[in-house]
């Protein structure tokens, strides 16, 4: 009991970080032991460990759809339409310009590092079997058209299938419609009924937030299992083969998180940015480990309410939207593989092609969906702009698959940091931060 009491007093972020470090060590040791034993124990150990990690991801996915649905309805309905319009314009402007900046920044970093792989054929061969499945999934019609059409779907089907973009569009429209009815309906009875409905939505949202507290208590176990399995399966040696590519992406993401976002806070909000960035440690670490912006959404909402003091109507809207459409890390990641393709296959990237690359990356990032590994599917959208042969595209996709488990962790952390910083900046400018003692 004393050990449990001592453990429970440790802040959750340190418990999670400790679980990650121990998971890395356990995974690397397991990978080495498995090599010494002729590959006989890895499958059994991973089979035992992986369910504990999958439980964490599944629990987060279990509550993320209700959070997005209830939060966006309540957020859209809680403000007058004019005020909501200002908030929406500010948030969308932040997401668009940071994505555009990240795409340009990613191109510059990629051109400076100019990544090449000497063992490209050998590395791509290790993952060739996975490429055909991904190609058939990505080639089902025009991808950009599918994204637009996917915005408007049967809401019940979207909820069941986890179609985040369709859920966002329906939830915002439903919330705005409820607000308009409350403000303009001539029937007192209708206004009362809509008000009660929104009170019910608020109660449901509060209930889901209580579930988040329970899920977070399980975090260290899930983080340890996820990390140990990743390193046990892939080992650290494979990542060294991609050192130049990995360094290019990771340096760009570190600069984005520790220079660009703090600079934006300092310039726009006129305050010391580093205390704000420190308050984001839990959602960023959660995103790093789970590799999913959507899975990190519950933690982001909790941090926004408790640490950043952002009002619920803003946090509900910006973070739920950002988990799907704001992918700054992806915008840095994708240009690196475009430049890698140019180096491997000997074609020159012109200014016009670089401009098209930036535009493609920004719009493709909207379709990432906030799920683990979503950036791999977006590579198909980006690479098709360069008229590569199917064999060349397959090679690049296979190479990306090899390092994706590592890069996805960093880029998702960047995505979530951008969501939270954007929420704080917009809240500061629109005076939507709570003062001490003010109700959430």
Protein backbone atom coordinates (compact mmCIF):
# COMPACT_ATOMS: atom_id res chain seq x y z
CA UNK A 1 0.00 0.00 0.00
CA UNK A 2 2.88 2.38 0.75
CA UNK A 3 4.36 1.72 -2.68
CA UNK A 4 0.99 2.37 -4.33
CA UNK A 5 0.53 5.57 -2.33
CA UNK A 6 4.01 6.75 -3.31
CA UNK A 7 3.38 5.86 -6.94
CA UNK A 8 0.05 7.71 -7.07
CA UNK A 9 1.69 10.91 -5.79
CA UNK A 10 4.09 11.02 -8.76
CA UNK A 11 2.76 13.38 -11.46
CA UNK A 12 1.28 11.47 -14.37
CA UNK A 13 3.67 12.99 -16.91
CA UNK A 14 6.68 11.57 -15.03
CA UNK A 15 5.03 8.17 -14.71
CA UNK A 16 4.41 8.19 -18.45
CA UNK A 17 7.94 9.31 -19.25
CA UNK A 18 9.38 6.62 -16.97
CA UNK A 19 7.21 4.00 -18.65
CA UNK A 20 8.46 5.15 -22.06
CA UNK A 21 12.13 4.93 -21.05
CA UNK A 22 11.66 1.51 -19.47
CA UNK A 23 9.74 0.36 -22.55
CA UNK A 24 12.59 1.47 -24.83
CA UNK A 25 15.14 -0.43 -22.73
CA UNK A 26 12.96 -3.54 -22.47
CA UNK A 27 12.29 -3.54 -26.22
CA UNK A 28 15.96 -3.16 -27.19
CA UNK A 29 16.99 -5.91 -24.75
CA UNK A 30 14.25 -8.19 -26.07
CA UNK A 31 15.35 -7.51 -29.67
CA UNK A 32 18.96 -8.46 -28.83
CA UNK A 33 17.98 -11.55 -26.81
CA UNK A 34 15.73 -12.68 -29.65
CA UNK A 35 18.66 -12.43 -32.09
CA UNK A 36 20.87 -14.50 -29.76
CA UNK A 37 18.15 -17.15 -29.44
CA UNK A 38 17.62 -17.47 -33.16
CA UNK A 39 14.32 -15.58 -33.30
CA UNK A 40 12.34 -18.00 -31.18
CA UNK A 41 11.02 -15.85 -28.34
CA UNK A 42 10.00 -12.54 -29.93
CA UNK A 43 6.62 -13.65 -31.22
CA UNK A 44 5.55 -15.11 -27.87
CA UNK A 45 6.66 -12.10 -25.80
CA UNK A 46 5.10 -9.58 -28.17
CA UNK A 47 1.89 -11.62 -28.18
CA UNK A 48 1.76 -11.22 -24.38
CA UNK A 49 2.77 -7.53 -24.29
CA UNK A 50 0.95 -6.08 -27.30
CA UNK A 51 -2.61 -6.48 -25.92
CA UNK A 52 -1.75 -4.15 -23.01
CA UNK A 53 -0.71 -1.46 -25.48
CA UNK A 54 -3.68 -2.13 -27.75
CA UNK A 55 -6.02 -1.72 -24.78
CA UNK A 56 -4.75 1.84 -24.23
CA UNK A 57 -5.16 2.81 -27.90
CA UNK A 58 -8.60 1.18 -28.04
CA UNK A 59 -9.75 2.95 -24.89
CA UNK A 60 -8.68 6.30 -26.32
CA UNK A 61 -10.40 5.53 -29.62
CA UNK A 62 -13.46 4.45 -27.68
CA UNK A 63 -13.96 7.89 -26.16
CA UNK A 64 -12.54 10.13 -28.88
CA UNK A 65 -15.63 9.92 -31.14
CA UNK A 66 -18.07 10.90 -28.35
CA UNK A 67 -15.69 13.70 -27.31
CA UNK A 68 -15.52 15.18 -30.81
CA UNK A 69 -19.27 14.80 -31.34
CA UNK A 70 -20.48 16.28 -28.06
CA UNK A 71 -17.70 18.90 -27.80
CA UNK A 72 -18.28 20.35 -31.25
CA UNK A 73 -22.06 20.45 -30.89
CA UNK A 74 -21.81 22.18 -27.52
CA UNK A 75 -19.00 24.49 -28.67
CA UNK A 76 -20.86 25.56 -31.83
CA UNK A 77 -24.12 26.11 -29.94
CA UNK A 78 -22.70 27.88 -26.88
CA UNK A 79 -21.78 31.14 -28.64
CA UNK A 80 -23.75 33.58 -30.78
CA UNK A 81 -23.25 32.81 -34.47
CA UNK A 82 -21.30 36.04 -35.03
CA UNK A 83 -18.89 35.27 -32.17
CA UNK A 84 -18.53 31.68 -33.33
CA UNK A 85 -17.70 32.97 -36.81
CA UNK A 86 -14.84 35.07 -35.43
CA UNK A 87 -13.53 32.14 -33.44
CA UNK A 88 -13.81 29.79 -36.41
CA UNK A 89 -12.05 32.25 -38.70
CA UNK A 90 -9.21 32.68 -36.20
CA UNK A 91 -8.75 28.95 -35.67
CA UNK A 92 -8.92 28.03 -39.36
CA UNK A 93 -6.48 30.83 -40.20
CA UNK A 94 -4.03 29.51 -37.62
CA UNK A 95 -4.28 25.95 -38.90
CA UNK A 96 -3.92 26.97 -42.55
CA UNK A 97 -0.96 29.30 -42.10
CA UNK A 98 0.95 26.99 -39.73
CA UNK A 99 0.41 24.08 -42.14
CA UNK A 100 1.60 26.25 -45.04
CA UNK A 101 4.60 27.41 -43.03
CA UNK A 102 5.43 23.85 -41.97
CA UNK A 103 5.25 22.64 -45.60
CA UNK A 104 7.59 25.41 -46.79
CA UNK A 105 9.83 24.82 -43.77
CA UNK A 106 9.86 21.08 -44.52
CA UNK A 107 10.92 21.74 -48.11
CA UNK A 108 13.75 24.02 -46.99
CA UNK A 109 14.98 21.50 -44.40
CA UNK A 110 14.78 18.68 -46.97
CA UNK A 111 16.76 20.66 -49.55
CA UNK A 112 19.40 21.61 -46.96
CA UNK A 113 19.87 18.02 -45.74
CA UNK A 114 19.35 16.59 -49.25
CA UNK A 115 18.63 13.06 -47.93
CA UNK A 116 19.94 10.01 -49.79
CA UNK A 117 19.94 6.28 -48.98
CA UNK A 118 22.78 4.09 -50.21
CA UNK A 119 20.94 0.84 -49.39
CA UNK A 120 17.55 1.97 -50.69
CA UNK A 121 16.80 -1.23 -52.62
CA UNK A 122 17.63 -3.53 -49.72
CA UNK A 123 15.65 -1.46 -47.21
CA UNK A 124 12.64 -1.12 -49.51
CA UNK A 125 12.60 -4.88 -50.07
CA UNK A 126 11.94 -5.48 -46.38
CA UNK A 127 8.59 -3.73 -46.62
CA UNK A 128 7.59 -4.43 -50.24
CA UNK A 129 4.93 -6.91 -49.20
CA UNK A 130 3.01 -4.17 -47.36
CA UNK A 131 2.99 -1.74 -50.28
CA UNK A 132 0.48 -3.56 -52.52
CA UNK A 133 -2.17 -3.51 -49.81
CA UNK A 134 -1.66 0.20 -49.23
CA UNK A 135 -1.70 0.96 -52.97
CA UNK A 136 -5.08 -0.73 -53.41
CA UNK A 137 -6.46 1.27 -50.47
CA UNK A 138 -5.10 4.59 -51.71
CA UNK A 139 -6.02 4.10 -55.37
CA UNK A 140 -9.77 3.87 -54.92
CA UNK A 141 -10.70 6.90 -57.04
CA UNK A 142 -9.43 10.46 -56.94
CA UNK A 143 -8.13 10.96 -53.42
CA UNK A 144 -8.77 14.71 -53.29
CA UNK A 145 -12.33 14.29 -54.57
CA UNK A 146 -12.90 11.54 -52.00
CA UNK A 147 -11.79 13.87 -49.20
CA UNK A 148 -14.28 16.54 -50.31
CA UNK A 149 -17.12 14.05 -50.73
CA UNK A 150 -16.26 12.50 -47.38
CA UNK A 151 -17.09 15.77 -45.63
CA UNK A 152 -20.80 15.10 -46.15
CA UNK A 153 -21.90 11.64 -45.13
CA UNK A 154 -24.58 9.86 -43.15
CA UNK A 155 -23.73 10.99 -39.60
CA UNK A 156 -24.61 7.65 -38.04
CA UNK A 157 -22.42 5.81 -40.53
CA UNK A 158 -19.63 8.35 -39.92
CA UNK A 159 -19.86 7.78 -36.16
CA UNK A 160 -19.72 4.02 -36.62
CA UNK A 161 -16.78 4.12 -39.05
CA UNK A 162 -14.81 6.88 -37.32
CA UNK A 163 -14.99 9.28 -40.29
CA UNK A 164 -13.63 12.29 -38.41
CA UNK A 165 -14.12 14.89 -41.15
CA UNK A 166 -17.79 13.98 -41.62
CA UNK A 167 -18.35 13.96 -37.85
CA UNK A 168 -16.81 17.43 -37.56
CA UNK A 169 -18.91 18.90 -40.37
CA UNK A 170 -22.19 17.44 -39.06
CA UNK A 171 -21.47 18.36 -35.43
CA UNK A 172 -20.66 21.99 -36.26
CA UNK A 173 -23.71 22.35 -38.51
CA UNK A 174 -25.95 20.74 -35.88
CA UNK A 175 -24.62 22.99 -33.12
CA UNK A 176 -24.97 26.15 -35.22
CA UNK A 177 -28.50 25.15 -36.23
CA UNK A 178 -29.40 24.64 -32.56
CA UNK A 179 -28.02 28.09 -31.74
CA UNK A 180 -29.99 29.74 -34.56
CA UNK A 181 -33.19 28.04 -33.39
CA UNK A 182 -32.59 29.25 -29.82
CA UNK A 183 -31.97 32.82 -30.98
CA UNK A 184 -34.66 33.17 -33.63
CA UNK A 185 -37.49 30.69 -33.04
CA UNK A 186 -40.83 32.34 -32.32
CA UNK A 187 -41.92 29.35 -30.22
CA UNK A 188 -40.98 29.56 -26.55
CA UNK A 189 -41.55 25.82 -26.27
CA UNK A 190 -39.07 25.04 -29.07
CA UNK A 191 -36.45 27.34 -27.55
CA UNK A 192 -36.88 25.61 -24.19
CA UNK A 193 -36.62 22.13 -25.71
CA UNK A 194 -33.44 23.02 -27.63
CA UNK A 195 -31.96 24.49 -24.47
CA UNK A 196 -32.67 21.26 -22.59
CA UNK A 197 -31.14 19.24 -25.43
CA UNK A 198 -27.93 21.27 -25.18
CA UNK A 199 -27.90 20.83 -21.40
CA UNK A 200 -28.06 17.09 -22.03
CA UNK A 201 -25.16 17.35 -24.49
CA UNK A 202 -23.16 19.27 -21.85
CA UNK A 203 -23.93 16.55 -19.27
CA UNK A 204 -22.85 13.83 -21.68
CA UNK A 205 -19.64 15.71 -22.37
CA UNK A 206 -18.90 15.99 -18.62
CA UNK A 207 -19.49 12.25 -18.25
CA UNK A 208 -17.02 11.47 -21.02
CA UNK A 209 -14.45 13.72 -19.34
CA UNK A 210 -14.79 11.64 -16.17
CA UNK A 211 -14.04 8.55 -18.27
CA UNK A 212 -10.86 10.29 -19.44
CA UNK A 213 -9.61 10.41 -15.84
CA UNK A 214 -10.02 6.65 -15.57
CA UNK A 215 -8.27 6.02 -18.89
CA UNK A 216 -5.32 8.21 -17.92
CA UNK A 217 -4.68 6.07 -14.85
CA UNK A 218 -3.87 3.20 -17.24
CA UNK A 219 -1.46 5.27 -19.36
CA UNK A 220 1.89 4.06 -17.90
CA UNK A 221 1.02 0.39 -18.49
CA UNK A 222 -0.09 1.01 -22.07
CA UNK A 223 2.88 3.24 -22.85
CA UNK A 224 5.34 0.64 -21.58
CA UNK A 225 3.73 -2.10 -23.69
CA UNK A 226 3.51 0.00 -26.87
CA UNK A 227 7.11 1.19 -26.65
CA UNK A 228 8.56 -2.21 -25.75
CA UNK A 229 6.77 -3.88 -28.67
CA UNK A 230 7.90 -1.22 -31.17
CA UNK A 231 11.57 -1.54 -30.28
CA UNK A 232 11.37 -5.32 -29.88
CA UNK A 233 10.00 -5.74 -33.41
CA UNK A 234 12.01 -3.11 -35.29
CA UNK A 235 15.13 -2.81 -33.17
CA UNK A 236 17.23 0.31 -33.05
CA UNK A 237 19.55 -0.84 -35.83
CA UNK A 238 16.98 -0.38 -38.59
CA UNK A 239 16.48 3.24 -37.63
CA UNK A 240 20.22 3.89 -37.98
CA UNK A 241 19.96 2.82 -41.64
CA UNK A 242 17.69 5.82 -42.17
CA UNK A 243 19.79 8.19 -40.09
CA UNK A 244 19.92 11.06 -42.59
CA UNK A 245 16.21 10.90 -43.40
CA UNK A 246 15.27 10.59 -39.72
CA UNK A 247 17.58 13.44 -38.72
CA UNK A 248 16.09 15.68 -41.40
CA UNK A 249 12.51 15.17 -40.17
CA UNK A 250 13.33 15.20 -36.45
CA UNK A 251 15.40 18.40 -36.67
CA UNK A 252 12.58 20.12 -38.55
CA UNK A 253 10.02 19.02 -35.97
CA UNK A 254 12.19 20.04 -33.02
CA UNK A 255 12.68 23.48 -34.55
CA UNK A 256 8.93 23.76 -35.08
CA UNK A 257 8.09 22.81 -31.49
CA UNK A 258 10.88 24.61 -29.63
CA UNK A 259 11.44 27.66 -31.86
CA UNK A 260 8.50 28.38 -34.17
CA UNK A 261 5.60 27.79 -31.76
CA UNK A 262 7.23 29.66 -28.84
CA UNK A 263 8.09 32.51 -31.22
CA UNK A 264 4.45 32.70 -32.31
CA UNK A 265 3.31 32.90 -28.67
CA UNK A 266 5.91 35.57 -27.90
CA UNK A 267 5.03 37.71 -30.93
CA UNK A 268 1.24 37.34 -30.95
CA UNK A 269 0.53 37.06 -27.21
CA UNK A 270 3.48 39.19 -26.01
CA UNK A 271 4.43 36.86 -23.17
CA UNK A 272 7.09 34.36 -22.17
CA UNK A 273 6.18 31.28 -24.24
CA UNK A 274 8.05 28.59 -22.33
CA UNK A 275 5.69 28.33 -19.32
CA UNK A 276 2.89 27.81 -21.85
CA UNK A 277 4.85 25.13 -23.71
CA UNK A 278 5.63 23.34 -20.41
CA UNK A 279 1.90 23.08 -19.69
CA UNK A 280 1.51 21.07 -22.91
CA UNK A 281 3.85 18.26 -21.86
CA UNK A 282 1.15 15.66 -21.16
CA UNK A 283 -0.77 15.87 -24.47
CA UNK A 284 2.50 16.07 -26.45
CA UNK A 285 3.93 13.01 -24.70
CA UNK A 286 0.66 11.13 -25.19
CA UNK A 287 0.73 11.94 -28.90
CA UNK A 288 4.38 10.86 -29.09
CA UNK A 289 3.66 7.43 -27.66
CA UNK A 290 0.26 6.66 -29.21
CA UNK A 291 1.15 8.16 -32.63
CA UNK A 292 -2.40 9.47 -32.94
CA UNK A 293 -3.68 13.05 -32.68
CA UNK A 294 -7.18 11.69 -32.15
CA UNK A 295 -6.04 9.41 -29.33
CA UNK A 296 -4.31 12.37 -27.65
CA UNK A 297 -7.43 14.56 -27.92
CA UNK A 298 -8.85 13.68 -24.47
CA UNK A 299 -5.56 14.66 -22.83
CA UNK A 300 -5.35 17.86 -24.90
CA UNK A 301 -8.84 18.89 -23.81
CA UNK A 302 -7.97 18.24 -20.17
CA UNK A 303 -4.75 20.27 -20.44
CA UNK A 304 -6.57 23.13 -22.18
CA UNK A 305 -9.16 23.31 -19.42
CA UNK A 306 -6.89 22.84 -16.40
CA UNK A 307 -3.48 24.16 -17.49
CA UNK A 308 -4.04 26.71 -20.26
CA UNK A 309 -7.34 27.96 -18.73
CA UNK A 310 -9.02 28.02 -22.14
CA UNK A 311 -12.78 28.33 -22.06
CA UNK A 312 -14.61 25.15 -22.98
CA UNK A 313 -16.44 26.56 -25.98
CA UNK A 314 -13.10 27.40 -27.64
CA UNK A 315 -11.15 24.28 -26.59
CA UNK A 316 -13.97 21.97 -27.64
CA UNK A 317 -13.99 23.44 -31.12
CA UNK A 318 -10.31 24.07 -31.84
CA UNK A 319 -8.84 20.85 -30.46
CA UNK A 320 -11.50 18.56 -31.94
CA UNK A 321 -11.02 20.23 -35.33
CA UNK A 322 -7.23 20.29 -35.05
CA UNK A 323 -7.00 16.57 -34.26
CA UNK A 324 -8.18 15.92 -37.81
CA UNK A 325 -7.14 18.83 -40.02
CA UNK A 326 -4.02 20.35 -38.41
CA UNK A 327 -1.00 18.19 -39.30
CA UNK A 328 2.11 20.37 -39.09
CA UNK A 329 4.35 17.38 -38.45
CA UNK A 330 3.04 15.67 -41.59
CA UNK A 331 3.71 18.86 -43.58
CA UNK A 332 7.38 18.67 -42.52
CA UNK A 333 7.61 14.91 -43.04
CA UNK A 334 6.21 14.56 -46.58
CA UNK A 335 8.58 16.96 -48.44
CA UNK A 336 11.56 14.97 -47.14
CA UNK A 337 10.43 11.87 -49.02
CA UNK A 338 9.69 13.92 -52.14
CA UNK A 339 13.29 15.18 -52.13
CA UNK A 340 14.49 11.65 -51.38
CA UNK A 341 12.58 10.44 -54.46
CA UNK A 342 14.24 13.13 -56.58
CA UNK A 343 17.68 12.01 -55.37
CA UNK A 344 16.97 8.31 -55.86
CA UNK A 345 15.50 8.57 -59.34
CA UNK A 346 17.55 11.46 -60.67
CA UNK A 347 14.97 14.11 -61.49
CA UNK A 348 15.27 17.80 -60.71
CA UNK A 349 12.74 19.61 -58.54
CA UNK A 350 11.90 22.90 -60.24
CA UNK A 351 10.46 25.95 -58.51
CA UNK A 352 7.04 25.13 -59.99
CA UNK A 353 7.26 21.55 -58.71
CA UNK A 354 8.28 22.75 -55.25
CA UNK A 355 5.30 25.12 -55.22
CA UNK A 356 3.01 22.27 -56.25
CA UNK A 357 4.63 20.12 -53.57
CA UNK A 358 3.81 22.69 -50.88
CA UNK A 359 0.18 23.01 -52.06
CA UNK A 360 -0.23 19.23 -52.29
CA UNK A 361 1.22 18.70 -48.80
CA UNK A 362 -1.02 21.32 -47.18
CA UNK A 363 -4.23 19.94 -48.70
CA UNK A 364 -3.20 16.30 -48.30
CA UNK A 365 -2.51 16.85 -44.61
CA UNK A 366 -6.21 17.59 -44.05
CA UNK A 367 -6.94 13.97 -44.92
CA UNK A 368 -4.49 12.43 -42.46
CA UNK A 369 -7.39 11.70 -40.13
CA UNK A 370 -5.48 11.84 -36.84
CA UNK A 371 -4.76 8.09 -36.86
CA UNK A 372 -1.42 6.25 -36.50
CA UNK A 373 0.48 6.06 -39.78
CA UNK A 374 -1.95 8.29 -41.69
CA UNK A 375 0.93 10.14 -43.36
CA UNK A 376 1.93 7.03 -45.32
CA UNK A 377 -1.32 7.08 -47.29
CA UNK A 378 -0.79 10.77 -48.03
CA UNK A 379 2.53 9.99 -49.69
CA UNK A 380 0.57 8.55 -52.61
CA UNK A 381 -1.12 11.94 -53.10
CA UNK A 382 2.20 13.79 -53.00
CA UNK A 383 4.26 11.41 -55.14
CA UNK A 384 1.70 11.25 -57.96
CA UNK A 385 2.54 14.90 -58.72
CA UNK A 386 6.01 13.85 -59.92
CA UNK A 387 4.93 11.32 -62.57
CA UNK A 388 6.83 8.46 -60.94
CA UNK A 389 6.40 4.96 -62.27
CA UNK A 390 4.42 2.52 -60.08
CA UNK A 391 7.70 0.75 -59.24
CA UNK A 392 9.34 4.01 -58.16
CA UNK A 393 6.35 5.00 -56.04
CA UNK A 394 6.35 1.56 -54.43
CA UNK A 395 10.03 1.96 -53.54
CA UNK A 396 9.48 5.28 -51.78
CA UNK A 397 6.40 3.98 -49.94
CA UNK A 398 8.34 0.91 -48.81
CA UNK A 399 11.18 3.09 -47.55
CA UNK A 400 8.70 5.29 -45.69
CA UNK A 401 7.11 2.21 -44.09
CA UNK A 402 10.49 1.21 -42.71
CA UNK A 403 11.01 4.36 -40.68
CA UNK A 404 7.40 5.40 -40.14
CA UNK A 405 7.07 3.96 -36.59
CA UNK A 406 9.82 6.34 -35.46
CA UNK A 407 8.95 9.45 -37.49
CA UNK A 408 5.23 9.11 -36.76
CA UNK A 409 5.93 9.58 -33.06
CA UNK A 410 7.70 12.91 -33.61
CA UNK A 411 5.32 14.27 -36.22
CA UNK A 412 2.24 13.46 -34.12
CA UNK A 413 3.80 15.23 -31.14
CA UNK A 414 4.29 18.26 -33.41
CA UNK A 415 0.68 18.07 -34.64
CA UNK A 416 -0.71 18.07 -31.10
CA UNK A 417 1.64 20.83 -29.95
CA UNK A 418 0.37 22.95 -32.85
CA UNK A 419 -3.26 22.24 -31.92
CA UNK A 420 -2.73 23.34 -28.33
CA UNK A 421 -0.60 26.38 -29.14
CA UNK A 422 -3.18 27.50 -31.70
CA UNK A 423 -5.95 27.09 -29.12
CA UNK A 424 -4.04 29.21 -26.61
CA UNK A 425 -3.11 31.94 -29.13
CA UNK A 426 -6.68 32.28 -30.45
CA UNK A 427 -8.02 32.23 -26.88
CA UNK A 428 -5.63 34.98 -25.88
CA UNK A 429 -6.50 37.19 -28.84
CA UNK A 430 -10.27 36.69 -28.50
CA UNK A 431 -10.12 37.01 -24.68
CA UNK A 432 -11.45 33.49 -24.21
CA UNK A 433 -9.12 32.47 -21.38
CA UNK A 434 -10.55 31.99 -17.90
CA UNK A 435 -9.42 34.11 -15.00
CA UNK A 436 -8.80 32.55 -11.58
CA UNK A 437 -12.02 31.34 -10.03
CA UNK A 438 -14.01 31.62 -13.25
CA UNK A 439 -16.22 28.66 -14.12
CA UNK A 440 -14.95 26.30 -16.81
